[in-house]
Amino acid sequence: MRKRIGGIKALDYVRHALNVFAVEALDDMIFRLAADMPYKDFEDAIQTFSALHAKAQCIVTRNPSLFSKNCLPILTPREYWDIYR
């Protein structure tokens, strides 16, 4: 996002997101669960188990195809906006 809109505006969006969404801490359990799962991308596995641990309603990503084997609804930012605005 920083490359598209610039660093200052990107930080403004991050600050806004921090006021809207809860940020969950990562712990050893999340990393161990993620490491034991057959995800193509370790970071996606971390996001999935963090979301499950936090009892999130969904995962929002610009690339939903990476989460096709997920047990949570996977939404693009536009889909999330259309549902929850």
Protein backbone atom coordinates (compact mmCIF):
# COMPACT_ATOMS: atom_id res chain seq x y z
CA MET A 1 0.00 0.00 0.00
CA ARG A 2 2.86 2.35 0.81
CA LYS A 3 4.14 2.15 -2.76
CA ARG A 4 0.74 3.07 -4.20
CA ILE A 5 -0.35 5.89 -1.89
CA GLY A 6 2.79 6.96 -0.02
CA GLY A 7 4.08 6.29 3.46
CA ILE A 8 2.20 8.99 5.37
CA LYS A 9 -1.20 8.10 3.94
CA ALA A 10 -0.51 4.38 4.42
CA LEU A 11 0.23 5.00 8.11
CA ASP A 12 -3.03 6.94 8.41
CA TYR A 13 -4.87 3.86 7.11
CA VAL A 14 -2.99 1.64 9.57
CA ARG A 15 -3.90 3.92 12.46
CA HIS A 16 -7.54 3.86 11.39
CA ALA A 17 -7.49 0.06 11.14
CA LEU A 18 -6.04 -0.15 14.66
CA ASN A 19 -9.03 1.85 15.91
CA VAL A 20 -11.47 -0.49 14.15
CA PHE A 21 -9.92 -3.94 14.57
CA ALA A 22 -8.39 -5.81 17.50
CA VAL A 23 -4.78 -6.92 17.12
CA GLU A 24 -4.04 -10.33 18.59
CA ALA A 25 -0.68 -11.34 20.02
CA LEU A 26 1.15 -14.26 18.47
CA ASP A 27 2.40 -16.95 20.78
CA ASP A 28 4.29 -20.23 20.63
CA MET A 29 1.11 -22.27 20.15
CA ILE A 30 0.11 -20.34 17.01
CA PHE A 31 3.54 -20.87 15.44
CA ARG A 32 3.59 -24.58 16.30
CA LEU A 33 0.12 -25.16 14.86
CA ALA A 34 1.04 -23.23 11.72
CA ALA A 35 4.29 -25.18 11.30
CA ASP A 36 2.44 -28.51 11.50
CA MET A 37 -0.14 -27.69 8.82
CA PRO A 38 0.29 -28.32 5.09
CA TYR A 39 -0.09 -24.69 4.00
CA LYS A 40 1.94 -23.54 1.01
CA ASP A 41 2.74 -20.32 2.83
CA PHE A 42 3.74 -20.29 6.51
CA GLU A 43 2.48 -16.72 6.97
CA ASP A 44 -0.98 -17.73 5.72
CA ALA A 45 -1.03 -20.55 8.26
CA ILE A 46 -0.08 -18.10 11.02
CA GLN A 47 -2.91 -15.77 9.95
CA THR A 48 -5.38 -18.66 9.91
CA PHE A 49 -4.52 -19.96 13.37
CA SER A 50 -4.35 -16.46 14.81
CA ALA A 51 -7.83 -15.77 13.45
CA LEU A 52 -9.19 -19.05 14.81
CA HIS A 53 -7.61 -18.43 18.22
CA ALA A 54 -9.11 -14.93 18.31
CA LYS A 55 -12.52 -16.27 17.25
CA ALA A 56 -12.49 -13.96 14.23
CA GLN A 57 -15.54 -13.83 11.98
CA CYS A 58 -13.45 -13.91 8.80
CA ILE A 59 -10.08 -13.31 7.22
CA VAL A 60 -9.70 -10.32 4.89
CA THR A 61 -7.09 -10.63 2.16
CA ARG A 62 -6.38 -9.35 -1.32
CA ASN A 63 -5.54 -12.91 -2.37
CA PRO A 64 -8.33 -15.22 -1.14
CA SER A 65 -7.12 -18.14 -3.29
CA LEU A 66 -4.27 -18.69 -0.82
CA PHE A 67 -6.81 -19.57 1.86
CA SER A 68 -8.97 -22.01 -0.11
CA LYS A 69 -8.73 -24.79 2.50
CA ASN A 70 -9.75 -22.53 5.34
CA CYS A 71 -12.50 -23.04 7.90
CA LEU A 72 -13.28 -19.31 8.15
CA PRO A 73 -14.95 -17.15 5.53
CA ILE A 74 -12.30 -15.52 3.34
CA LEU A 75 -13.19 -12.06 2.04
CA THR A 76 -11.51 -9.52 -0.18
CA PRO A 77 -11.38 -5.99 1.23
CA ARG A 78 -14.23 -5.00 -1.13
CA GLU A 79 -16.38 -7.95 0.00
CA TYR A 80 -15.72 -7.10 3.63
CA TRP A 81 -16.64 -3.47 3.00
CA ASP A 82 -19.85 -4.43 1.20
CA ILE A 83 -20.93 -6.70 4.08
CA TYR A 84 -19.82 -4.80 7.18
CA ARG A 85 -19.91 -1.11 6.32
